[in-house]
């Protein structure tokens, strides 16, 4: 009987020790390590957003400089040809 009580107490104290150890480990991680990870993630996200914003900004040009932006449309027909316009009328039969 005494052996049973001794084993029970040893196992109970071991379990209690493990629970306290896990509690303090979680507390340590949440207090010191987690803020560092979150701060690093936020800084990384800010850097990505700044890089994206820089890539979308157009470069500044001096005043008076004229530039044409855009792609020429290759499917657009040449309107400089001398063509004659014919007006058709509908014929009722």
PDB file of N, CA and C in Angstrom:
ATOM      1  N   UNK A   1       0.814  -1.187   0.000  1.00  0.00           N
ATOM      2  CA  UNK A   1       0.000   0.000   0.000  1.00  0.00           C
ATOM      3  C   UNK A   1       0.863   1.259   0.000  1.00  0.00           C
ATOM      4  N   UNK A   2       1.929   1.233   0.778  1.00  0.00           N
ATOM      5  CA  UNK A   2       2.823   2.385   0.855  1.00  0.00           C
ATOM      6  C   UNK A   2       3.528   2.580  -0.487  1.00  0.00           C
ATOM      7  N   UNK A   3       3.848   1.497  -1.150  1.00  0.00           N
ATOM      8  CA  UNK A   3       4.474   1.581  -2.468  1.00  0.00           C
ATOM      9  C   UNK A   3       3.528   2.239  -3.472  1.00  0.00           C
ATOM     10  N   UNK A   4       2.259   1.878  -3.416  1.00  0.00           N
ATOM     11  CA  UNK A   4       1.254   2.453  -4.301  1.00  0.00           C
ATOM     12  C   UNK A   4       1.128   3.965  -4.077  1.00  0.00           C
ATOM     13  N   UNK A   5       1.090   4.379  -2.822  1.00  0.00           N
ATOM     14  CA  UNK A   5       0.972   5.805  -2.494  1.00  0.00           C
ATOM     15  C   UNK A   5       2.228   6.548  -2.927  1.00  0.00           C
ATOM     16  N   UNK A   6       3.378   5.952  -2.732  1.00  0.00           N
ATOM     17  CA  UNK A   6       4.639   6.576  -3.131  1.00  0.00           C
ATOM     18  C   UNK A   6       4.689   6.748  -4.648  1.00  0.00           C
ATOM     19  N   UNK A   7       4.311   5.708  -5.405  1.00  0.00           N
ATOM     20  CA  UNK A   7       4.302   5.807  -6.857  1.00  0.00           C
ATOM     21  C   UNK A   7       3.274   6.846  -7.334  1.00  0.00           C
ATOM     22  N   UNK A   8       2.138   6.885  -6.675  1.00  0.00           N
ATOM     23  CA  UNK A   8       1.120   7.858  -7.022  1.00  0.00           C
ATOM     24  C   UNK A   8       1.638   9.273  -6.811  1.00  0.00           C
ATOM     25  N   UNK A   9       2.274   9.540  -5.685  1.00  0.00           N
ATOM     26  CA  UNK A   9       2.812  10.866  -5.396  1.00  0.00           C
ATOM     27  C   UNK A   9       3.931  11.250  -6.368  1.00  0.00           C
ATOM     28  N   UNK A  10       4.796  10.288  -6.685  1.00  0.00           N
ATOM     29  CA  UNK A  10       5.889  10.568  -7.624  1.00  0.00           C
ATOM     30  C   UNK A  10       5.320  10.927  -8.995  1.00  0.00           C
ATOM     31  N   UNK A  11       4.367  10.135  -9.459  1.00  0.00           N
ATOM     32  CA  UNK A  11       3.758  10.426 -10.764  1.00  0.00           C
ATOM     33  C   UNK A  11       2.983  11.741 -10.742  1.00  0.00           C
ATOM     34  N   UNK A  12       2.304  12.017  -9.636  1.00  0.00           N
ATOM     35  CA  UNK A  12       1.563  13.267  -9.513  1.00  0.00           C
ATOM     36  C   UNK A  12       2.519  14.461  -9.545  1.00  0.00           C
ATOM     37  N   UNK A  13       3.627  14.374  -8.797  1.00  0.00           N
ATOM     38  CA  UNK A  13       4.594  15.473  -8.775  1.00  0.00           C
ATOM     39  C   UNK A  13       5.267  15.634 -10.141  1.00  0.00           C
ATOM     40  N   UNK A  14       5.547  14.529 -10.810  1.00  0.00           N
ATOM     41  CA  UNK A  14       6.145  14.598 -12.134  1.00  0.00           C
ATOM     42  C   UNK A  14       5.181  15.272 -13.117  1.00  0.00           C
ATOM     43  N   UNK A  15       3.919  14.908 -13.065  1.00  0.00           N
ATOM     44  CA  UNK A  15       2.915  15.515 -13.930  1.00  0.00           C
ATOM     45  C   UNK A  15       2.754  16.997 -13.617  1.00  0.00           C
ATOM     46  N   UNK A  16       2.720  17.340 -12.339  1.00  0.00           N
ATOM     47  CA  UNK A  16       2.617  18.729 -11.933  1.00  0.00           C
ATOM     48  C   UNK A  16       3.834  19.521 -12.417  1.00  0.00           C
ATOM     49  N   UNK A  17       5.025  18.947 -12.326  1.00  0.00           N
ATOM     50  CA  UNK A  17       6.249  19.593 -12.789  1.00  0.00           C
ATOM     51  C   UNK A  17       6.186  19.832 -14.304  1.00  0.00           C
ATOM     52  N   UNK A  18       5.709  18.852 -15.047  1.00  0.00           N
ATOM     53  CA  UNK A  18       5.602  18.998 -16.508  1.00  0.00           C
ATOM     54  C   UNK A  18       4.607  20.096 -16.860  1.00  0.00           C
ATOM     55  N   UNK A  19       3.493  20.159 -16.156  1.00  0.00           N
ATOM     56  CA  UNK A  19       2.494  21.200 -16.415  1.00  0.00           C
ATOM     57  C   UNK A  19       3.070  22.577 -16.127  1.00  0.00           C
ATOM     58  N   UNK A  20       3.777  22.738 -15.023  1.00  0.00           N
ATOM     59  CA  UNK A  20       4.390  24.023 -14.681  1.00  0.00           C
ATOM     60  C   UNK A  20       5.462  24.382 -15.702  1.00  0.00           C
ATOM     61  N   UNK A  21       6.244  23.396 -16.124  1.00  0.00           N
ATOM     62  CA  UNK A  21       7.288  23.630 -17.121  1.00  0.00           C
ATOM     63  C   UNK A  21       6.677  24.095 -18.454  1.00  0.00           C
ATOM     64  N   UNK A  22       5.602  23.460 -18.883  1.00  0.00           N
ATOM     65  CA  UNK A  22       4.924  23.861 -20.120  1.00  0.00           C
ATOM     66  C   UNK A  22       4.337  25.263 -19.973  1.00  0.00           C
ATOM     67  N   UNK A  23       3.761  25.558 -18.822  1.00  0.00           N
ATOM     68  CA  UNK A  23       3.191  26.884 -18.577  1.00  0.00           C
ATOM     69  C   UNK A  23       4.258  27.966 -18.715  1.00  0.00           C
ATOM     70  N   UNK A  24       5.409  27.768 -18.082  1.00  0.00           N
ATOM     71  CA  UNK A  24       6.457  28.777 -18.162  1.00  0.00           C
ATOM     72  C   UNK A  24       7.093  28.837 -19.548  1.00  0.00           C
ATOM     73  N   UNK A  25       7.149  27.731 -20.242  1.00  0.00           N
ATOM     74  CA  UNK A  25       7.678  27.741 -21.616  1.00  0.00           C
ATOM     75  C   UNK A  25       6.758  28.551 -22.527  1.00  0.00           C
ATOM     76  N   UNK A  26       5.452  28.340 -22.404  1.00  0.00           N
ATOM     77  CA  UNK A  26       4.502  29.103 -23.213  1.00  0.00           C
ATOM     78  C   UNK A  26       4.565  30.583 -22.857  1.00  0.00           C
ATOM     79  N   UNK A  27       4.687  30.870 -21.589  1.00  0.00           N
ATOM     80  CA  UNK A  27       4.783  32.263 -21.137  1.00  0.00           C
ATOM     81  C   UNK A  27       6.052  32.928 -21.673  1.00  0.00           C
ATOM     82  N   UNK A  28       7.163  32.206 -21.670  1.00  0.00           N
ATOM     83  CA  UNK A  28       8.427  32.732 -22.189  1.00  0.00           C
ATOM     84  C   UNK A  28       8.321  32.993 -23.693  1.00  0.00           C
ATOM     85  N   UNK A  29       7.757  32.031 -24.407  1.00  0.00           N
ATOM     86  CA  UNK A  29       7.631  32.173 -25.861  1.00  0.00           C
ATOM     87  C   UNK A  29       6.717  33.343 -26.198  1.00  0.00           C
ATOM     88  N   UNK A  30       5.587  33.457 -25.508  1.00  0.00           N
ATOM     89  CA  UNK A  30       4.643  34.522 -25.830  1.00  0.00           C
ATOM     90  C   UNK A  30       5.156  35.893 -25.415  1.00  0.00           C
ATOM     91  N   UNK A  31       6.026  35.950 -24.454  1.00  0.00           N
ATOM     92  CA  UNK A  31       6.510  37.248 -23.983  1.00  0.00           C
ATOM     93  C   UNK A  31       7.743  37.719 -24.741  1.00  0.00           C
ATOM     94  N   UNK A  32       8.633  36.814 -25.129  1.00  0.00           N
ATOM     95  CA  UNK A  32       9.901  37.235 -25.721  1.00  0.00           C
ATOM     96  C   UNK A  32      10.065  36.847 -27.188  1.00  0.00           C
ATOM     97  N   UNK A  33       9.704  35.650 -27.543  1.00  0.00           N
ATOM     98  CA  UNK A  33       9.982  35.165 -28.893  1.00  0.00           C
ATOM     99  C   UNK A  33       8.883  35.568 -29.867  1.00  0.00           C
ATOM    100  N   UNK A  34       7.630  35.447 -29.486  1.00  0.00           N
ATOM    101  CA  UNK A  34       6.518  35.775 -30.372  1.00  0.00           C
ATOM    102  C   UNK A  34       6.540  37.230 -30.832  1.00  0.00           C
ATOM    103  N   UNK A  35       6.791  38.214 -29.966  1.00  0.00           N
ATOM    104  CA  UNK A  35       6.873  39.600 -30.466  1.00  0.00           C
ATOM    105  C   UNK A  35       8.004  39.806 -31.482  1.00  0.00           C
ATOM    106  N   UNK A  36       9.109  39.109 -31.300  1.00  0.00           N
ATOM    107  CA  UNK A  36      10.203  39.222 -32.270  1.00  0.00           C
ATOM    108  C   UNK A  36       9.774  38.681 -33.625  1.00  0.00           C
ATOM    109  N   UNK A  37       9.089  37.550 -33.624  1.00  0.00           N
ATOM    110  CA  UNK A  37       8.623  36.962 -34.887  1.00  0.00           C
ATOM    111  C   UNK A  37       7.588  37.856 -35.568  1.00  0.00           C
ATOM    112  N   UNK A  38       6.685  38.417 -34.778  1.00  0.00           N
ATOM    113  CA  UNK A  38       5.654  39.296 -35.351  1.00  0.00           C
ATOM    114  C   UNK A  38       6.301  40.568 -35.902  1.00  0.00           C
ATOM    115  N   UNK A  39       7.265  41.130 -35.180  1.00  0.00           N
ATOM    116  CA  UNK A  39       7.953  42.333 -35.633  1.00  0.00           C
ATOM    117  C   UNK A  39       8.700  42.072 -36.938  1.00  0.00           C
ATOM    118  N   UNK A  40       9.341  40.924 -37.027  1.00  0.00           N
ATOM    119  CA  UNK A  40      10.057  40.568 -38.254  1.00  0.00           C
ATOM    120  C   UNK A  40       9.076  40.401 -39.415  1.00  0.00           C
ATOM    121  N   UNK A  41       7.939  39.799 -39.162  1.00  0.00           N
ATOM    122  CA  UNK A  41       6.926  39.624 -40.204  1.00  0.00           C
ATOM    123  C   UNK A  41       6.354  40.945 -40.669  1.00  0.00           C
ATOM    124  N   UNK A  42       6.113  41.861 -39.729  1.00  0.00           N
ATOM    125  CA  UNK A  42       5.576  43.179 -40.086  1.00  0.00           C
ATOM    126  C   UNK A  42       6.593  43.953 -40.918  1.00  0.00           C
ATOM    127  N   UNK A  43       7.860  43.911 -40.525  1.00  0.00           N
ATOM    128  CA  UNK A  43       8.889  44.616 -41.284  1.00  0.00           C
ATOM    129  C   UNK A  43       9.025  44.032 -42.686  1.00  0.00           C
ATOM    130  N   UNK A  44       8.929  42.719 -42.799  1.00  0.00           N
ATOM    131  CA  UNK A  44       9.000  42.064 -44.103  1.00  0.00           C
ATOM    132  C   UNK A  44       7.825  42.494 -44.976  1.00  0.00           C
ATOM    133  N   UNK A  45       6.641  42.558 -44.404  1.00  0.00           N
ATOM    134  CA  UNK A  45       5.452  42.976 -45.152  1.00  0.00           C
ATOM    135  C   UNK A  45       5.567  44.442 -45.578  1.00  0.00           C
ATOM    136  N   UNK A  46       6.081  45.306 -44.695  1.00  0.00           N
ATOM    137  CA  UNK A  46       6.276  46.710 -45.056  1.00  0.00           C
ATOM    138  C   UNK A  46       7.256  46.847 -46.210  1.00  0.00           C
ATOM    139  N   UNK A  47       8.323  46.066 -46.181  1.00  0.00           N
ATOM    140  CA  UNK A  47       9.324  46.120 -47.248  1.00  0.00           C
ATOM    141  C   UNK A  47       8.712  45.694 -48.576  1.00  0.00           C
ATOM    142  N   UNK A  48       7.904  44.646 -48.547  1.00  0.00           N
ATOM    143  CA  UNK A  48       7.245  44.191 -49.781  1.00  0.00           C
ATOM    144  C   UNK A  48       6.297  45.253 -50.317  1.00  0.00           C
ATOM    145  N   UNK A  49       5.543  45.895 -49.430  1.00  0.00           N
ATOM    146  CA  UNK A  49       4.607  46.934 -49.866  1.00  0.00           C
ATOM    147  C   UNK A  49       5.358  48.137 -50.442  1.00  0.00           C
ATOM    148  N   UNK A  50       6.480  48.520 -49.832  1.00  0.00           N
ATOM    149  CA  UNK A  50       7.262  49.642 -50.351  1.00  0.00           C
ATOM    150  C   UNK A  50       7.851  49.299 -51.719  1.00  0.00           C
ATOM    151  N   UNK A  51       8.348  48.085 -51.876  1.00  0.00           N
ATOM    152  CA  UNK A  51       8.886  47.666 -53.168  1.00  0.00           C
ATOM    153  C   UNK A  51       7.797  47.674 -54.231  1.00  0.00           C
ATOM    154  N   UNK A  52       6.614  47.208 -53.877  1.00  0.00           N
ATOM    155  CA  UNK A  52       5.500  47.189 -54.817  1.00  0.00           C
ATOM    156  C   UNK A  52       5.086  48.610 -55.194  1.00  0.00           C
ATOM    157  N   UNK A  53       5.062  49.497 -54.215  1.00  0.00           N
ATOM    158  CA  UNK A  53       4.679  50.880 -54.489  1.00  0.00           C
ATOM    159  C   UNK A  53       5.720  51.556 -55.374  1.00  0.00           C
ATOM    160  N   UNK A  54       6.995  51.297 -55.132  1.00  0.00           N
ATOM    161  CA  UNK A  54       8.048  51.886 -55.959  1.00  0.00           C
ATOM    162  C   UNK A  54       7.966  51.391 -57.396  1.00  0.00           C
ATOM    163  N   UNK A  55       7.628  50.124 -57.576  1.00  0.00           N
ATOM    164  CA  UNK A  55       7.559  49.584 -58.927  1.00  0.00           C
ATOM    165  C   UNK A  55       6.359  50.146 -59.685  1.00  0.00           C
ATOM    166  N   UNK A  56       5.312  50.568 -58.991  1.00  0.00           N
ATOM    167  CA  UNK A  56       4.137  51.110 -59.651  1.00  0.00           C
ATOM    168  C   UNK A  56       4.245  52.608 -59.917  1.00  0.00           C
ATOM    169  N   UNK A  57       5.129  53.294 -59.235  1.00  0.00           N
ATOM    170  CA  UNK A  57       5.275  54.729 -59.443  1.00  0.00           C
ATOM    171  C   UNK A  57       5.976  55.001 -60.759  1.00  0.00           C
ATOM    172  N   UNK A  58       5.506  56.020 -61.454  1.00  0.00           N
ATOM    173  CA  UNK A  58       6.163  56.431 -62.685  1.00  0.00           C
ATOM    174  C   UNK A  58       7.313  57.355 -62.321  1.00  0.00           C
ATOM    175  N   UNK A  59       8.387  57.303 -63.090  1.00  0.00           N
ATOM    176  CA  UNK A  59       9.516  58.198 -62.775  1.00  0.00           C
ATOM    177  C   UNK A  59       9.141  59.652 -63.056  1.00  0.00           C
ATOM    178  N   UNK A  60       9.649  60.539 -62.246  1.00  0.00           N
ATOM    179  CA  UNK A  60       9.396  61.975 -62.390  1.00  0.00           C
ATOM    180  C   UNK A  60      10.180  62.499 -63.592  1.00  0.00           C
ATOM    181  N   UNK A  61       9.535  63.370 -64.369  1.00  0.00           N
ATOM    182  CA  UNK A  61      10.199  63.986 -65.513  1.00  0.00           C
ATOM    183  C   UNK A  61      10.249  65.488 -65.291  1.00  0.00           C
ATOM    184  N   UNK A  62      11.246  66.128 -65.853  1.00  0.00           N
ATOM    185  CA  UNK A  62      11.313  67.579 -65.706  1.00  0.00           C
ATOM    186  C   UNK A  62      10.143  68.252 -66.430  1.00  0.00           C
ATOM    187  N   UNK A  63       9.788  69.427 -65.969  1.00  0.00           N
ATOM    188  CA  UNK A  63       8.659  70.162 -66.527  1.00  0.00           C
ATOM    189  C   UNK A  63       8.951  70.540 -67.970  1.00  0.00           C
ATOM    190  N   UNK A  64       7.960  70.350 -68.834  1.00  0.00           N
ATOM    191  CA  UNK A  64       8.108  70.693 -70.242  1.00  0.00           C
ATOM    192  C   UNK A  64       8.512  69.517 -71.101  1.00  0.00           C
ATOM    193  N   UNK A  65       8.929  68.429 -70.525  1.00  0.00           N
ATOM    194  CA  UNK A  65       9.305  67.251 -71.307  1.00  0.00           C
ATOM    195  C   UNK A  65       8.034  66.534 -71.753  1.00  0.00           C
ATOM    196  N   UNK A  66       7.985  66.190 -73.012  1.00  0.00           N
ATOM    197  CA  UNK A  66       6.810  65.551 -73.574  1.00  0.00           C
ATOM    198  C   UNK A  66       7.155  64.107 -73.901  1.00  0.00           C
ATOM    199  N   UNK A  67       6.333  63.195 -73.405  1.00  0.00           N
ATOM    200  CA  UNK A  67       6.511  61.785 -73.732  1.00  0.00           C
ATOM    201  C   UNK A  67       5.163  61.197 -74.071  1.00  0.00           C
ATOM    202  N   UNK A  68       5.177  60.182 -74.904  1.00  0.00           N
ATOM    203  CA  UNK A  68       3.957  59.479 -75.263  1.00  0.00           C
ATOM    204  C   UNK A  68       4.052  58.093 -74.638  1.00  0.00           C
ATOM    205  N   UNK A  69       3.092  57.795 -73.763  1.00  0.00           N
ATOM    206  CA  UNK A  69       3.087  56.514 -73.092  1.00  0.00           C
ATOM    207  C   UNK A  69       2.006  55.640 -73.680  1.00  0.00           C
ATOM    208  N   UNK A  70       2.288  54.390 -73.798  1.00  0.00           N
ATOM    209  CA  UNK A  70       1.295  53.451 -74.317  1.00  0.00           C
ATOM    210  C   UNK A  70       1.906  52.613 -75.427  1.00  0.00           C
ATOM    211  N   UNK A  71       1.215  51.562 -75.762  1.00  0.00           N
ATOM    212  CA  UNK A  71       1.669  50.648 -76.791  1.00  0.00           C
ATOM    213  C   UNK A  71       0.883  50.922 -78.070  1.00  0.00           C
ATOM    214  N   UNK A  72       1.544  50.945 -79.216  1.00  0.00           N
ATOM    215  CA  UNK A  72       0.794  51.097 -80.464  1.00  0.00           C
ATOM    216  C   UNK A  72      -0.039  49.846 -80.720  1.00  0.00           C
ATOM    217  N   UNK A  73      -1.219  50.042 -81.241  1.00  0.00           N
ATOM    218  CA  UNK A  73      -2.124  48.931 -81.507  1.00  0.00           C
ATOM    219  C   UNK A  73      -1.795  48.344 -82.878  1.00  0.00           C
ATOM    220  N   UNK A  74      -1.279  47.107 -82.950  1.00  0.00           N
ATOM    221  CA  UNK A  74      -0.895  46.542 -84.248  1.00  0.00           C
ATOM    222  C   UNK A  74      -2.108  46.172 -85.105  1.00  0.00           C
ATOM    223  N   UNK A  75      -3.293  46.027 -84.524  1.00  0.00           N
ATOM    224  CA  UNK A  75      -4.479  45.639 -85.276  1.00  0.00           C
ATOM    225  C   UNK A  75      -5.187  46.837 -85.903  1.00  0.00           C
ATOM    226  N   UNK A  76      -4.783  48.036 -85.554  1.00  0.00           N
ATOM    227  CA  UNK A  76      -5.430  49.232 -86.050  1.00  0.00           C
ATOM    228  C   UNK A  76      -5.061  49.434 -87.514  1.00  0.00           C
ATOM    229  N   UNK A  77      -6.060  49.695 -88.348  1.00  0.00           N
ATOM    230  CA  UNK A  77      -5.822  49.884 -89.777  1.00  0.00           C
ATOM    231  C   UNK A  77      -5.203  51.248 -90.027  1.00  0.00           C
ATOM    232  N   UNK A  78      -4.445  51.332 -91.083  1.00  0.00           N
ATOM    233  CA  UNK A  78      -3.805  52.582 -91.461  1.00  0.00           C
ATOM    234  C   UNK A  78      -4.853  53.475 -92.117  1.00  0.00           C
ATOM    235  N   UNK A  79      -5.114  54.636 -91.558  1.00  0.00           N
ATOM    236  CA  UNK A  79      -6.129  55.551 -92.078  1.00  0.00           C
ATOM    237  C   UNK A  79      -5.558  56.543 -93.088  1.00  0.00           C
ATOM    238  N   UNK A  80      -4.308  56.450 -93.418  1.00  0.00           N
ATOM    239  CA  UNK A  80      -3.694  57.398 -94.340  1.00  0.00           C
ATOM    240  C   UNK A  80      -3.887  57.002 -95.797  1.00  0.00           C
ATOM    241  N   UNK A  81      -4.490  55.878 -96.065  1.00  0.00           N
ATOM    242  CA  UNK A  81      -4.703  55.457 -97.450  1.00  0.00           C
ATOM    243  C   UNK A  81      -5.802  56.315 -98.079  1.00  0.00           C
ATOM    244  N   UNK A  82      -5.708  56.514 -99.362  1.00  0.00           N
ATOM    245  CA  UNK A  82      -6.731  57.268-100.094  1.00  0.00           C
ATOM    246  C   UNK A  82      -7.854  56.305-100.440  1.00  0.00           C
ATOM    247  N   UNK A  83      -8.898  56.364 -99.672  1.00  0.00           N
ATOM    248  CA  UNK A  83     -10.036  55.503 -99.903  1.00  0.00           C
ATOM    249  C   UNK A  83     -11.245  56.357-100.204  1.00  0.00           C
ATOM    250  N   UNK A  84     -12.132  55.801-100.984  1.00  0.00           N
ATOM    251  CA  UNK A  84     -13.338  56.515-101.347  1.00  0.00           C
ATOM    252  C   UNK A  84     -14.492  55.949-100.548  1.00  0.00           C
ATOM    253  N   UNK A  85     -15.313  56.820 -99.969  1.00  0.00           N
ATOM    254  CA  UNK A  85     -16.461  56.387 -99.195  1.00  0.00           C
ATOM    255  C   UNK A  85     -17.671  56.309-100.113  1.00  0.00           C
ATOM    256  N   UNK A  86     -18.368  55.159-100.073  1.00  0.00           N
ATOM    257  CA  UNK A  86     -19.550  54.957-100.900  1.00  0.00           C
ATOM    258  C   UNK A  86     -20.738  54.818 -99.974  1.00  0.00           C
ATOM    259  N   UNK A  87     -21.744  55.639-100.220  1.00  0.00           N
ATOM    260  CA  UNK A  87     -22.955  55.610 -99.418  1.00  0.00           C
ATOM    261  C   UNK A  87     -23.958  54.699-100.107  1.00  0.00           C
ATOM    262  N   UNK A  88     -24.379  53.666 -99.420  1.00  0.00           N
ATOM    263  CA  UNK A  88     -25.352  52.733 -99.993  1.00  0.00           C
ATOM    264  C   UNK A  88     -26.742  53.043 -99.486  1.00  0.00           C
ATOM    265  N   UNK A  89     -27.723  52.825-100.341  1.00  0.00           N
ATOM    266  CA  UNK A  89     -29.102  52.985 -99.954  1.00  0.00           C
ATOM    267  C   UNK A  89     -29.802  51.647-100.044  1.00  0.00           C
ATOM    268  N   UNK A  90     -30.721  51.444 -99.148  1.00  0.00           N
ATOM    269  CA  UNK A  90     -31.483  50.202 -99.195  1.00  0.00           C
ATOM    270  C   UNK A  90     -32.551  50.309-100.272  1.00  0.00           C
ATOM    271  N   UNK A  91     -32.752  49.216-100.987  1.00  0.00           N
ATOM    272  CA  UNK A  91     -33.744  49.196-102.041  1.00  0.00           C
ATOM    273  C   UNK A  91     -34.882  48.304-101.573  1.00  0.00           C
ATOM    274  N   UNK A  92     -36.111  48.847-101.599  1.00  0.00           N
ATOM    275  CA  UNK A  92     -37.272  48.058-101.219  1.00  0.00           C
ATOM    276  C   UNK A  92     -37.774  47.308-102.441  1.00  0.00           C
ATOM    277  N   UNK A  93     -37.996  46.068-102.303  1.00  0.00           N
ATOM    278  CA  UNK A  93     -38.492  45.281-103.421  1.00  0.00           C
ATOM    279  C   UNK A  93     -39.960  45.027-103.323  1.00  0.00           C
TER     280      UNK A  93
END
